[in-house]
Amino acid sequence: MKDEANIVEQYADSDVGKRIDIRIRYYPNFIRLVEGFEQSLSFIIKQEKEMKRRSAIGELGVRVQNSHISDPTAREAIDNIMIMEAIKKGDLDSVISELDEDVRILHEMEIRTIRDMKEDFRVLNNTFYYLNPVDSDMLRKYLEGGSHTEQMAYDLNMKPDALRVRIHHIKKTVIEQTSNILIRKYRVEGGIA
C-alpha cells in the first residue's frame, strides 16, 4: 500500500522505462490509483485553502458568530466542485492562487504528473493495436489477472512455460513501442528521457 500511496511521486521521479514498469505493475488499478490521488489532492487543497483563510483573518480556533448571511454548506460544495474541475482540467491557477508559492509549485507538478500518467496509460493501451488480436487479448488478460499464467495456460490449452515465453515476447513488443512513443513525447515537451 505504501507504493500505491506514493505512485504520483514515484512516477514524477522516474524515467520512461521506469514509468512503463509502474503502469504495467499497477495495470489493473492504475487509473483508479490516479483518480484516488486526484480525490486526495482535492481534499488537501481544500484544507490548505481553509487554513490560509483562517490564518488571513487571524482565527485562533474560536468561532465568533457574525451577521454575514451565508450558506457555508453551499460554499463548501462549490469549492469542492471548482477544485475537482481544476484538477481534471490540469489548471489550478484559479483555485490555488492564494496559497504560498512553494505549495502552488508542488500542486502544479502533481497535476502535470497526473496528466502524464493518464496520457501515458492511453499510449500503453494503444500500443496493443500493434499486436495481433490474440496476442493483445492474451497480454491484457495477463496484466489484468495479476500475472497468473497457470490458469491462463490451462484456459488457452498451452503449457505454462510456453505461455510465459509468449507473454514475455508480447510484453517486450509493447514496452518497446510504448517507450519509443513516450521518448518522442517527452523530447518534444522537454521533459524526461
N, C-alpha and C. Protein backbone atom coordinates (compact mmCIF):
# COMPACT_ATOMS: atom_id res chain seq x y z
N MET A 1 0.82 -1.20 0.00
CA MET A 1 0.00 0.00 0.00
C MET A 1 0.86 1.26 0.00
N LYS A 2 2.05 1.16 0.62
CA LYS A 2 2.92 2.33 0.66
C LYS A 2 3.27 2.79 -0.75
N ASP A 3 3.59 1.86 -1.64
CA ASP A 3 3.93 2.21 -3.02
C ASP A 3 2.76 2.88 -3.73
N GLU A 4 1.56 2.36 -3.53
CA GLU A 4 0.40 2.92 -4.20
C GLU A 4 0.14 4.35 -3.73
N ALA A 5 0.39 4.62 -2.45
CA ALA A 5 0.14 5.96 -1.92
C ALA A 5 1.08 6.98 -2.54
N ASN A 6 2.27 6.56 -2.93
CA ASN A 6 3.26 7.48 -3.50
C ASN A 6 3.41 7.33 -5.00
N ILE A 7 2.42 6.79 -5.67
CA ILE A 7 2.56 6.48 -7.09
C ILE A 7 2.81 7.73 -7.93
N VAL A 8 2.21 8.85 -7.59
CA VAL A 8 2.42 10.07 -8.37
C VAL A 8 3.85 10.57 -8.18
N GLU A 9 4.34 10.53 -6.95
CA GLU A 9 5.72 10.93 -6.68
C GLU A 9 6.70 10.00 -7.37
N GLN A 10 6.44 8.69 -7.29
CA GLN A 10 7.30 7.71 -7.98
C GLN A 10 7.35 8.01 -9.48
N TYR A 11 6.19 8.26 -10.03
CA TYR A 11 6.06 8.50 -11.46
C TYR A 11 6.82 9.76 -11.87
N ALA A 12 6.67 10.81 -11.08
CA ALA A 12 7.34 12.08 -11.39
C ALA A 12 8.86 11.93 -11.38
N ASP A 13 9.36 11.07 -10.51
CA ASP A 13 10.82 10.91 -10.36
C ASP A 13 11.40 9.83 -11.28
N SER A 14 10.60 9.27 -12.18
CA SER A 14 11.04 8.14 -12.99
C SER A 14 11.33 8.53 -14.43
N ASP A 15 12.21 7.73 -15.05
CA ASP A 15 12.44 7.89 -16.49
C ASP A 15 11.37 7.09 -17.24
N VAL A 16 11.42 7.12 -18.56
CA VAL A 16 10.39 6.46 -19.37
C VAL A 16 10.29 4.97 -19.05
N GLY A 17 11.42 4.29 -18.95
CA GLY A 17 11.40 2.85 -18.68
C GLY A 17 10.74 2.52 -17.35
N LYS A 18 11.09 3.27 -16.32
CA LYS A 18 10.51 3.03 -15.00
C LYS A 18 9.01 3.37 -15.00
N ARG A 19 8.62 4.41 -15.76
CA ARG A 19 7.20 4.76 -15.85
C ARG A 19 6.40 3.62 -16.49
N ILE A 20 6.97 3.01 -17.50
CA ILE A 20 6.30 1.87 -18.14
C ILE A 20 6.17 0.72 -17.14
N ASP A 21 7.24 0.46 -16.38
CA ASP A 21 7.19 -0.58 -15.35
C ASP A 21 6.08 -0.32 -14.34
N ILE A 22 5.96 0.94 -13.93
CA ILE A 22 4.92 1.30 -12.96
C ILE A 22 3.53 1.03 -13.54
N ARG A 23 3.32 1.43 -14.79
CA ARG A 23 1.99 1.21 -15.40
C ARG A 23 1.69 -0.27 -15.55
N ILE A 24 2.69 -1.04 -15.90
CA ILE A 24 2.46 -2.49 -16.05
C ILE A 24 2.23 -3.13 -14.68
N ARG A 25 3.03 -2.74 -13.68
CA ARG A 25 2.89 -3.33 -12.34
C ARG A 25 1.50 -3.07 -11.77
N TYR A 26 0.97 -1.87 -11.98
CA TYR A 26 -0.32 -1.50 -11.42
C TYR A 26 -1.43 -1.51 -12.47
N TYR A 27 -1.22 -2.17 -13.58
CA TYR A 27 -2.14 -2.11 -14.71
C TYR A 27 -3.62 -2.23 -14.34
N PRO A 28 -4.03 -3.24 -13.58
CA PRO A 28 -5.47 -3.37 -13.31
C PRO A 28 -6.06 -2.20 -12.51
N ASN A 29 -5.24 -1.55 -11.68
CA ASN A 29 -5.74 -0.49 -10.80
C ASN A 29 -5.16 0.88 -11.12
N PHE A 30 -4.40 1.00 -12.19
CA PHE A 30 -3.64 2.21 -12.44
C PHE A 30 -4.53 3.46 -12.47
N ILE A 31 -5.56 3.45 -13.26
CA ILE A 31 -6.43 4.63 -13.38
C ILE A 31 -7.15 4.89 -12.06
N ARG A 32 -7.55 3.86 -11.35
CA ARG A 32 -8.19 4.06 -10.05
C ARG A 32 -7.23 4.70 -9.06
N LEU A 33 -5.95 4.30 -9.09
CA LEU A 33 -4.96 4.91 -8.21
C LEU A 33 -4.78 6.39 -8.55
N VAL A 34 -4.74 6.71 -9.83
CA VAL A 34 -4.60 8.10 -10.25
C VAL A 34 -5.82 8.90 -9.82
N GLU A 35 -7.00 8.37 -10.04
CA GLU A 35 -8.22 9.07 -9.64
C GLU A 35 -8.31 9.21 -8.12
N GLY A 36 -7.85 8.20 -7.40
CA GLY A 36 -7.80 8.30 -5.94
C GLY A 36 -6.87 9.41 -5.49
N PHE A 37 -5.74 9.54 -6.18
CA PHE A 37 -4.81 10.63 -5.85
C PHE A 37 -5.45 11.98 -6.15
N GLU A 38 -6.19 12.06 -7.26
CA GLU A 38 -6.90 13.31 -7.59
C GLU A 38 -7.87 13.69 -6.46
N GLN A 39 -8.61 12.72 -5.96
CA GLN A 39 -9.54 12.98 -4.86
C GLN A 39 -8.79 13.45 -3.62
N SER A 40 -7.68 12.78 -3.31
CA SER A 40 -6.88 13.17 -2.15
C SER A 40 -6.32 14.56 -2.33
N LEU A 41 -5.84 14.86 -3.52
CA LEU A 41 -5.29 16.19 -3.80
C LEU A 41 -6.37 17.26 -3.63
N SER A 42 -7.56 16.95 -4.08
CA SER A 42 -8.68 17.88 -3.92
C SER A 42 -8.91 18.19 -2.44
N PHE A 43 -8.91 17.15 -1.62
CA PHE A 43 -9.11 17.32 -0.18
C PHE A 43 -7.97 18.15 0.42
N ILE A 44 -6.74 17.84 0.03
CA ILE A 44 -5.57 18.56 0.55
C ILE A 44 -5.64 20.04 0.19
N ILE A 45 -5.95 20.33 -1.06
CA ILE A 45 -6.05 21.73 -1.49
C ILE A 45 -7.15 22.45 -0.72
N LYS A 46 -8.27 21.78 -0.55
CA LYS A 46 -9.38 22.39 0.19
C LYS A 46 -8.94 22.73 1.62
N GLN A 47 -8.22 21.81 2.26
CA GLN A 47 -7.75 22.05 3.62
C GLN A 47 -6.72 23.17 3.67
N GLU A 48 -5.82 23.20 2.69
CA GLU A 48 -4.81 24.26 2.65
C GLU A 48 -5.46 25.62 2.45
N LYS A 49 -6.45 25.68 1.60
CA LYS A 49 -7.15 26.94 1.36
C LYS A 49 -7.87 27.39 2.63
N GLU A 50 -8.49 26.46 3.32
CA GLU A 50 -9.20 26.78 4.55
C GLU A 50 -8.22 27.27 5.62
N MET A 51 -7.08 26.64 5.74
CA MET A 51 -6.07 27.09 6.70
C MET A 51 -5.58 28.48 6.35
N LYS A 52 -5.39 28.73 5.06
CA LYS A 52 -4.94 30.05 4.61
C LYS A 52 -6.00 31.11 4.94
N ARG A 53 -7.26 30.78 4.71
CA ARG A 53 -8.35 31.72 5.04
C ARG A 53 -8.36 32.03 6.54
N ARG A 54 -8.27 30.99 7.34
CA ARG A 54 -8.28 31.17 8.79
C ARG A 54 -7.08 32.01 9.24
N SER A 55 -5.94 31.72 8.68
CA SER A 55 -4.74 32.46 9.01
C SER A 55 -4.88 33.93 8.62
N ALA A 56 -5.49 34.17 7.49
CA ALA A 56 -5.64 35.54 6.99
C ALA A 56 -6.56 36.38 7.88
N ILE A 57 -7.55 35.74 8.50
CA ILE A 57 -8.45 36.51 9.36
C ILE A 57 -8.03 36.43 10.82
N GLY A 58 -6.94 35.76 11.09
CA GLY A 58 -6.41 35.70 12.44
C GLY A 58 -7.19 34.80 13.37
N GLU A 59 -7.79 33.78 12.83
CA GLU A 59 -8.60 32.88 13.64
C GLU A 59 -7.72 32.11 14.61
N LEU A 60 -8.12 32.07 15.85
CA LEU A 60 -7.37 31.38 16.89
C LEU A 60 -8.04 30.07 17.29
N GLY A 61 -8.99 29.63 16.51
CA GLY A 61 -9.67 28.39 16.83
C GLY A 61 -11.01 28.61 17.50
N VAL A 62 -11.35 29.83 17.84
CA VAL A 62 -12.63 30.14 18.47
C VAL A 62 -13.49 30.84 17.43
N ARG A 63 -14.61 30.27 17.14
CA ARG A 63 -15.50 30.86 16.15
C ARG A 63 -16.37 31.92 16.82
N VAL A 64 -16.47 33.02 16.14
CA VAL A 64 -17.33 34.11 16.61
C VAL A 64 -18.43 34.28 15.58
N GLN A 65 -19.66 34.27 16.06
CA GLN A 65 -20.77 34.42 15.14
C GLN A 65 -20.81 35.86 14.63
N ASN A 66 -21.00 35.98 13.32
CA ASN A 66 -21.11 37.32 12.75
C ASN A 66 -22.46 37.46 12.07
N SER A 67 -22.72 38.63 11.55
CA SER A 67 -24.03 38.88 10.95
C SER A 67 -24.06 38.62 9.45
N HIS A 68 -22.96 38.09 8.90
CA HIS A 68 -22.93 37.82 7.47
C HIS A 68 -23.91 36.71 7.15
N ILE A 69 -24.69 36.93 6.16
CA ILE A 69 -25.64 35.91 5.72
C ILE A 69 -24.93 35.07 4.68
N SER A 70 -24.79 33.80 4.99
CA SER A 70 -24.11 32.93 4.04
C SER A 70 -24.59 31.50 4.22
N ASP A 71 -24.21 30.69 3.28
CA ASP A 71 -24.54 29.27 3.31
C ASP A 71 -23.23 28.51 3.22
N PRO A 72 -22.62 28.18 4.37
CA PRO A 72 -21.31 27.53 4.33
C PRO A 72 -21.34 26.18 3.62
N THR A 73 -22.43 25.46 3.68
CA THR A 73 -22.53 24.17 3.00
C THR A 73 -22.47 24.36 1.49
N ALA A 74 -23.20 25.36 1.00
CA ALA A 74 -23.19 25.64 -0.44
C ALA A 74 -21.81 26.12 -0.88
N ARG A 75 -21.17 26.98 -0.07
CA ARG A 75 -19.83 27.46 -0.40
C ARG A 75 -18.84 26.30 -0.47
N GLU A 76 -18.95 25.38 0.49
CA GLU A 76 -18.06 24.23 0.50
C GLU A 76 -18.29 23.34 -0.72
N ALA A 77 -19.53 23.12 -1.08
CA ALA A 77 -19.85 22.30 -2.25
C ALA A 77 -19.30 22.95 -3.52
N ILE A 78 -19.46 24.25 -3.64
CA ILE A 78 -18.94 24.96 -4.82
C ILE A 78 -17.42 24.88 -4.86
N ASP A 79 -16.78 25.07 -3.70
CA ASP A 79 -15.31 24.95 -3.63
C ASP A 79 -14.86 23.55 -4.06
N ASN A 80 -15.54 22.53 -3.57
CA ASN A 80 -15.19 21.15 -3.92
C ASN A 80 -15.27 20.93 -5.43
N ILE A 81 -16.37 21.41 -6.02
CA ILE A 81 -16.56 21.24 -7.47
C ILE A 81 -15.50 22.00 -8.25
N MET A 82 -15.24 23.24 -7.83
CA MET A 82 -14.24 24.05 -8.54
C MET A 82 -12.85 23.42 -8.46
N ILE A 83 -12.49 22.90 -7.29
CA ILE A 83 -11.17 22.28 -7.13
C ILE A 83 -11.06 21.03 -7.99
N MET A 84 -12.09 20.16 -7.96
CA MET A 84 -12.03 18.93 -8.77
C MET A 84 -12.00 19.25 -10.26
N GLU A 85 -12.77 20.24 -10.69
CA GLU A 85 -12.75 20.62 -12.11
C GLU A 85 -11.38 21.16 -12.51
N ALA A 86 -10.77 21.94 -11.63
CA ALA A 86 -9.43 22.48 -11.91
C ALA A 86 -8.41 21.35 -12.00
N ILE A 87 -8.52 20.37 -11.13
CA ILE A 87 -7.61 19.22 -11.18
C ILE A 87 -7.81 18.44 -12.47
N LYS A 88 -9.05 18.17 -12.83
CA LYS A 88 -9.35 17.41 -14.06
C LYS A 88 -8.86 18.15 -15.30
N LYS A 89 -9.02 19.48 -15.31
CA LYS A 89 -8.56 20.28 -16.46
C LYS A 89 -7.05 20.45 -16.46
N GLY A 90 -6.43 20.27 -15.30
CA GLY A 90 -4.99 20.46 -15.20
C GLY A 90 -4.58 21.91 -15.07
N ASP A 91 -5.50 22.77 -14.62
CA ASP A 91 -5.22 24.18 -14.47
C ASP A 91 -5.70 24.65 -13.10
N LEU A 92 -4.75 24.72 -12.16
CA LEU A 92 -5.10 25.05 -10.79
C LEU A 92 -5.05 26.55 -10.48
N ASP A 93 -4.62 27.36 -11.43
CA ASP A 93 -4.41 28.79 -11.16
C ASP A 93 -5.58 29.43 -10.43
N SER A 94 -6.78 29.16 -10.86
CA SER A 94 -7.94 29.83 -10.29
C SER A 94 -8.26 29.37 -8.88
N VAL A 95 -7.81 28.19 -8.48
CA VAL A 95 -8.19 27.68 -7.15
C VAL A 95 -7.06 27.69 -6.14
N ILE A 96 -5.82 27.90 -6.56
CA ILE A 96 -4.72 27.89 -5.59
C ILE A 96 -3.93 29.19 -5.57
N SER A 97 -4.43 30.21 -6.21
CA SER A 97 -3.68 31.46 -6.33
C SER A 97 -3.33 32.07 -4.97
N GLU A 98 -4.15 31.83 -3.96
CA GLU A 98 -3.88 32.44 -2.65
C GLU A 98 -2.90 31.63 -1.79
N LEU A 99 -2.52 30.43 -2.26
CA LEU A 99 -1.59 29.60 -1.49
C LEU A 99 -0.15 30.07 -1.69
N ASP A 100 0.71 29.67 -0.79
CA ASP A 100 2.13 30.03 -0.88
C ASP A 100 2.73 29.45 -2.15
N GLU A 101 3.76 30.11 -2.65
CA GLU A 101 4.36 29.73 -3.93
C GLU A 101 4.89 28.29 -3.94
N ASP A 102 5.56 27.87 -2.87
CA ASP A 102 6.10 26.52 -2.85
C ASP A 102 4.99 25.46 -2.89
N VAL A 103 3.87 25.75 -2.26
CA VAL A 103 2.72 24.84 -2.28
C VAL A 103 2.11 24.81 -3.69
N ARG A 104 1.99 25.98 -4.31
CA ARG A 104 1.46 26.04 -5.68
C ARG A 104 2.35 25.25 -6.64
N ILE A 105 3.65 25.41 -6.52
CA ILE A 105 4.59 24.70 -7.39
C ILE A 105 4.44 23.19 -7.22
N LEU A 106 4.34 22.74 -5.97
CA LEU A 106 4.16 21.30 -5.70
C LEU A 106 2.88 20.78 -6.35
N HIS A 107 1.77 21.49 -6.16
CA HIS A 107 0.49 21.03 -6.71
C HIS A 107 0.49 21.08 -8.24
N GLU A 108 1.13 22.07 -8.81
CA GLU A 108 1.21 22.14 -10.27
C GLU A 108 2.02 20.97 -10.82
N MET A 109 3.10 20.58 -10.12
CA MET A 109 3.88 19.41 -10.53
C MET A 109 3.03 18.15 -10.43
N GLU A 110 2.25 18.03 -9.36
CA GLU A 110 1.39 16.86 -9.20
C GLU A 110 0.36 16.79 -10.32
N ILE A 111 -0.21 17.92 -10.68
CA ILE A 111 -1.20 17.95 -11.76
C ILE A 111 -0.56 17.56 -13.09
N ARG A 112 0.63 18.09 -13.39
CA ARG A 112 1.32 17.70 -14.63
C ARG A 112 1.60 16.20 -14.64
N THR A 113 2.00 15.68 -13.49
CA THR A 113 2.30 14.25 -13.41
C THR A 113 1.03 13.42 -13.62
N ILE A 114 -0.07 13.83 -13.01
CA ILE A 114 -1.35 13.13 -13.20
C ILE A 114 -1.73 13.13 -14.67
N ARG A 115 -1.60 14.29 -15.33
CA ARG A 115 -1.93 14.38 -16.76
C ARG A 115 -1.03 13.42 -17.55
N ASP A 116 0.27 13.41 -17.25
CA ASP A 116 1.18 12.50 -17.93
C ASP A 116 0.81 11.05 -17.68
N MET A 117 0.44 10.72 -16.46
CA MET A 117 0.08 9.34 -16.12
C MET A 117 -1.10 8.87 -16.96
N LYS A 118 -2.12 9.71 -17.07
CA LYS A 118 -3.30 9.34 -17.86
C LYS A 118 -2.95 9.22 -19.35
N GLU A 119 -2.23 10.19 -19.87
CA GLU A 119 -1.83 10.14 -21.28
C GLU A 119 -0.96 8.92 -21.56
N ASP A 120 0.01 8.68 -20.70
CA ASP A 120 0.93 7.56 -20.90
C ASP A 120 0.21 6.22 -20.81
N PHE A 121 -0.80 6.14 -19.95
CA PHE A 121 -1.58 4.91 -19.86
C PHE A 121 -2.34 4.66 -21.16
N ARG A 122 -2.87 5.74 -21.74
CA ARG A 122 -3.55 5.59 -23.04
C ARG A 122 -2.55 5.15 -24.11
N VAL A 123 -1.34 5.69 -24.06
CA VAL A 123 -0.31 5.27 -25.02
C VAL A 123 -0.03 3.78 -24.86
N LEU A 124 0.14 3.33 -23.63
CA LEU A 124 0.38 1.90 -23.38
C LEU A 124 -0.75 1.06 -23.96
N ASN A 125 -1.99 1.44 -23.68
CA ASN A 125 -3.13 0.68 -24.20
C ASN A 125 -3.20 0.73 -25.72
N ASN A 126 -2.85 1.87 -26.31
CA ASN A 126 -2.88 1.98 -27.77
C ASN A 126 -1.81 1.13 -28.44
N THR A 127 -0.73 0.86 -27.75
CA THR A 127 0.31 0.01 -28.36
C THR A 127 -0.17 -1.43 -28.51
N PHE A 128 -1.23 -1.78 -27.83
CA PHE A 128 -1.80 -3.12 -28.02
C PHE A 128 -2.28 -3.30 -29.45
N TYR A 129 -2.57 -2.19 -30.14
CA TYR A 129 -3.02 -2.28 -31.53
C TYR A 129 -1.90 -2.74 -32.46
N TYR A 130 -0.66 -2.66 -32.03
CA TYR A 130 0.46 -3.17 -32.83
C TYR A 130 0.50 -4.69 -32.83
N LEU A 131 -0.23 -5.28 -31.91
CA LEU A 131 -0.23 -6.74 -31.78
C LEU A 131 -1.39 -7.34 -32.57
N ASN A 132 -1.26 -8.63 -32.85
CA ASN A 132 -2.42 -9.29 -33.44
C ASN A 132 -3.47 -9.44 -32.32
N PRO A 133 -4.73 -9.56 -32.69
CA PRO A 133 -5.80 -9.59 -31.68
C PRO A 133 -5.64 -10.66 -30.60
N VAL A 134 -5.14 -11.82 -30.97
CA VAL A 134 -4.97 -12.90 -29.99
C VAL A 134 -3.92 -12.51 -28.96
N ASP A 135 -2.78 -11.99 -29.43
CA ASP A 135 -1.71 -11.58 -28.51
C ASP A 135 -2.15 -10.41 -27.64
N SER A 136 -2.87 -9.47 -28.25
CA SER A 136 -3.37 -8.32 -27.50
C SER A 136 -4.30 -8.77 -26.38
N ASP A 137 -5.22 -9.66 -26.69
CA ASP A 137 -6.16 -10.18 -25.70
C ASP A 137 -5.41 -10.95 -24.61
N MET A 138 -4.43 -11.74 -25.01
CA MET A 138 -3.65 -12.53 -24.07
C MET A 138 -2.89 -11.62 -23.08
N LEU A 139 -2.24 -10.60 -23.61
CA LEU A 139 -1.48 -9.70 -22.74
C LEU A 139 -2.41 -8.94 -21.79
N ARG A 140 -3.53 -8.48 -22.31
CA ARG A 140 -4.47 -7.74 -21.47
C ARG A 140 -4.97 -8.63 -20.33
N LYS A 141 -5.33 -9.87 -20.63
CA LYS A 141 -5.78 -10.79 -19.59
C LYS A 141 -4.66 -11.06 -18.58
N TYR A 142 -3.45 -11.19 -19.08
CA TYR A 142 -2.30 -11.41 -18.20
C TYR A 142 -2.11 -10.23 -17.25
N LEU A 143 -2.15 -9.03 -17.79
CA LEU A 143 -1.95 -7.84 -16.96
C LEU A 143 -3.11 -7.61 -16.00
N GLU A 144 -4.31 -7.85 -16.46
CA GLU A 144 -5.48 -7.64 -15.60
C GLU A 144 -5.66 -8.73 -14.57
N GLY A 145 -5.15 -9.91 -14.87
CA GLY A 145 -5.32 -11.05 -13.98
C GLY A 145 -4.26 -11.19 -12.93
N GLY A 146 -3.37 -10.24 -12.83
CA GLY A 146 -2.34 -10.33 -11.81
C GLY A 146 -1.25 -11.33 -12.15
N SER A 147 -1.06 -11.60 -13.42
CA SER A 147 0.05 -12.42 -13.89
C SER A 147 -0.03 -13.90 -13.48
N HIS A 148 -1.21 -14.45 -13.38
CA HIS A 148 -1.37 -15.87 -13.05
C HIS A 148 -1.39 -16.69 -14.33
N THR A 149 -0.24 -17.19 -14.72
CA THR A 149 -0.12 -17.87 -16.00
C THR A 149 -0.65 -19.31 -15.98
N GLU A 150 -0.67 -19.94 -14.82
CA GLU A 150 -1.10 -21.34 -14.79
C GLU A 150 -2.55 -21.48 -15.25
N GLN A 151 -3.44 -20.65 -14.71
CA GLN A 151 -4.84 -20.71 -15.10
C GLN A 151 -5.02 -20.28 -16.55
N MET A 152 -4.30 -19.23 -16.96
CA MET A 152 -4.38 -18.78 -18.36
C MET A 152 -3.91 -19.89 -19.30
N ALA A 153 -2.80 -20.54 -18.94
CA ALA A 153 -2.27 -21.61 -19.78
C ALA A 153 -3.30 -22.73 -19.91
N TYR A 154 -3.94 -23.08 -18.81
CA TYR A 154 -4.96 -24.11 -18.84
C TYR A 154 -6.12 -23.68 -19.76
N ASP A 155 -6.58 -22.42 -19.60
CA ASP A 155 -7.68 -21.91 -20.41
C ASP A 155 -7.33 -21.87 -21.90
N LEU A 156 -6.06 -21.60 -22.22
CA LEU A 156 -5.62 -21.50 -23.61
C LEU A 156 -5.07 -22.82 -24.16
N ASN A 157 -5.12 -23.85 -23.33
CA ASN A 157 -4.61 -25.17 -23.71
C ASN A 157 -3.13 -25.08 -24.13
N MET A 158 -2.35 -24.39 -23.30
CA MET A 158 -0.91 -24.23 -23.52
C MET A 158 -0.17 -24.68 -22.27
N LYS A 159 1.09 -24.99 -22.44
CA LYS A 159 1.93 -25.27 -21.28
C LYS A 159 2.29 -23.93 -20.63
N PRO A 160 2.34 -23.90 -19.30
CA PRO A 160 2.66 -22.65 -18.60
C PRO A 160 3.98 -22.02 -19.05
N ASP A 161 5.01 -22.82 -19.27
CA ASP A 161 6.29 -22.27 -19.70
C ASP A 161 6.19 -21.64 -21.09
N ALA A 162 5.46 -22.29 -21.98
CA ALA A 162 5.28 -21.74 -23.33
C ALA A 162 4.51 -20.43 -23.27
N LEU A 163 3.51 -20.36 -22.41
CA LEU A 163 2.74 -19.13 -22.25
C LEU A 163 3.61 -18.01 -21.69
N ARG A 164 4.44 -18.34 -20.69
CA ARG A 164 5.34 -17.32 -20.12
C ARG A 164 6.27 -16.74 -21.18
N VAL A 165 6.82 -17.61 -22.02
CA VAL A 165 7.72 -17.15 -23.08
C VAL A 165 6.95 -16.25 -24.05
N ARG A 166 5.76 -16.68 -24.43
CA ARG A 166 4.96 -15.89 -25.37
C ARG A 166 4.58 -14.53 -24.76
N ILE A 167 4.16 -14.53 -23.52
CA ILE A 167 3.81 -13.28 -22.83
C ILE A 167 5.03 -12.38 -22.76
N HIS A 168 6.19 -12.95 -22.46
CA HIS A 168 7.42 -12.16 -22.38
C HIS A 168 7.69 -11.46 -23.72
N HIS A 169 7.55 -12.17 -24.81
CA HIS A 169 7.79 -11.57 -26.13
C HIS A 169 6.74 -10.50 -26.47
N ILE A 170 5.50 -10.77 -26.15
CA ILE A 170 4.43 -9.80 -26.41
C ILE A 170 4.67 -8.54 -25.58
N LYS A 171 4.97 -8.75 -24.31
CA LYS A 171 5.22 -7.63 -23.40
C LYS A 171 6.41 -6.81 -23.87
N LYS A 172 7.44 -7.48 -24.35
CA LYS A 172 8.63 -6.79 -24.84
C LYS A 172 8.27 -5.88 -26.02
N THR A 173 7.44 -6.37 -26.92
CA THR A 173 6.99 -5.56 -28.07
C THR A 173 6.24 -4.33 -27.60
N VAL A 174 5.33 -4.52 -26.66
CA VAL A 174 4.52 -3.40 -26.15
C VAL A 174 5.41 -2.39 -25.43
N ILE A 175 6.35 -2.87 -24.64
CA ILE A 175 7.25 -1.96 -23.92
C ILE A 175 8.11 -1.17 -24.90
N GLU A 176 8.62 -1.81 -25.92
CA GLU A 176 9.44 -1.11 -26.91
C GLU A 176 8.63 -0.04 -27.64
N GLN A 177 7.43 -0.40 -28.08
CA GLN A 177 6.59 0.57 -28.79
C GLN A 177 6.19 1.73 -27.89
N THR A 178 5.80 1.41 -26.67
CA THR A 178 5.42 2.46 -25.72
C THR A 178 6.60 3.36 -25.42
N SER A 179 7.74 2.78 -25.21
CA SER A 179 8.95 3.54 -24.92
C SER A 179 9.30 4.49 -26.07
N ASN A 180 9.25 3.99 -27.29
CA ASN A 180 9.55 4.84 -28.45
C ASN A 180 8.62 6.04 -28.53
N ILE A 181 7.35 5.81 -28.31
CA ILE A 181 6.37 6.90 -28.38
C ILE A 181 6.59 7.90 -27.25
N LEU A 182 6.81 7.40 -26.04
CA LEU A 182 6.96 8.30 -24.90
C LEU A 182 8.27 9.08 -24.95
N ILE A 183 9.32 8.46 -25.45
CA ILE A 183 10.58 9.19 -25.60
C ILE A 183 10.36 10.37 -26.55
N ARG A 184 9.67 10.14 -27.65
CA ARG A 184 9.36 11.24 -28.57
C ARG A 184 8.49 12.28 -27.90
N LYS A 185 7.48 11.84 -27.15
CA LYS A 185 6.59 12.78 -26.46
C LYS A 185 7.37 13.67 -25.51
N TYR A 186 8.18 13.08 -24.67
CA TYR A 186 8.89 13.87 -23.67
C TYR A 186 10.03 14.69 -24.28
N ARG A 187 10.56 14.25 -25.39
CA ARG A 187 11.57 15.05 -26.08
C ARG A 187 10.93 16.34 -26.60
N VAL A 188 9.74 16.22 -27.17
CA VAL A 188 9.02 17.38 -27.67
C VAL A 188 8.64 18.32 -26.52
N GLU A 189 8.20 17.74 -25.40
CA GLU A 189 7.79 18.55 -24.24
C GLU A 189 8.99 19.09 -23.46
N GLY A 190 10.18 18.55 -23.74
CA GLY A 190 11.36 18.97 -22.99
C GLY A 190 11.42 18.34 -21.62
N GLY A 191 10.78 17.18 -21.47
CA GLY A 191 10.71 16.52 -20.17
C GLY A 191 11.75 15.44 -20.01
N ILE A 192 11.36 14.35 -19.39
CA ILE A 192 12.24 13.24 -19.05
C ILE A 192 12.69 12.49 -20.29
N ALA A 193 13.62 11.60 -20.12
CA ALA A 193 14.06 10.76 -21.24
C ALA A 193 14.04 9.30 -20.86
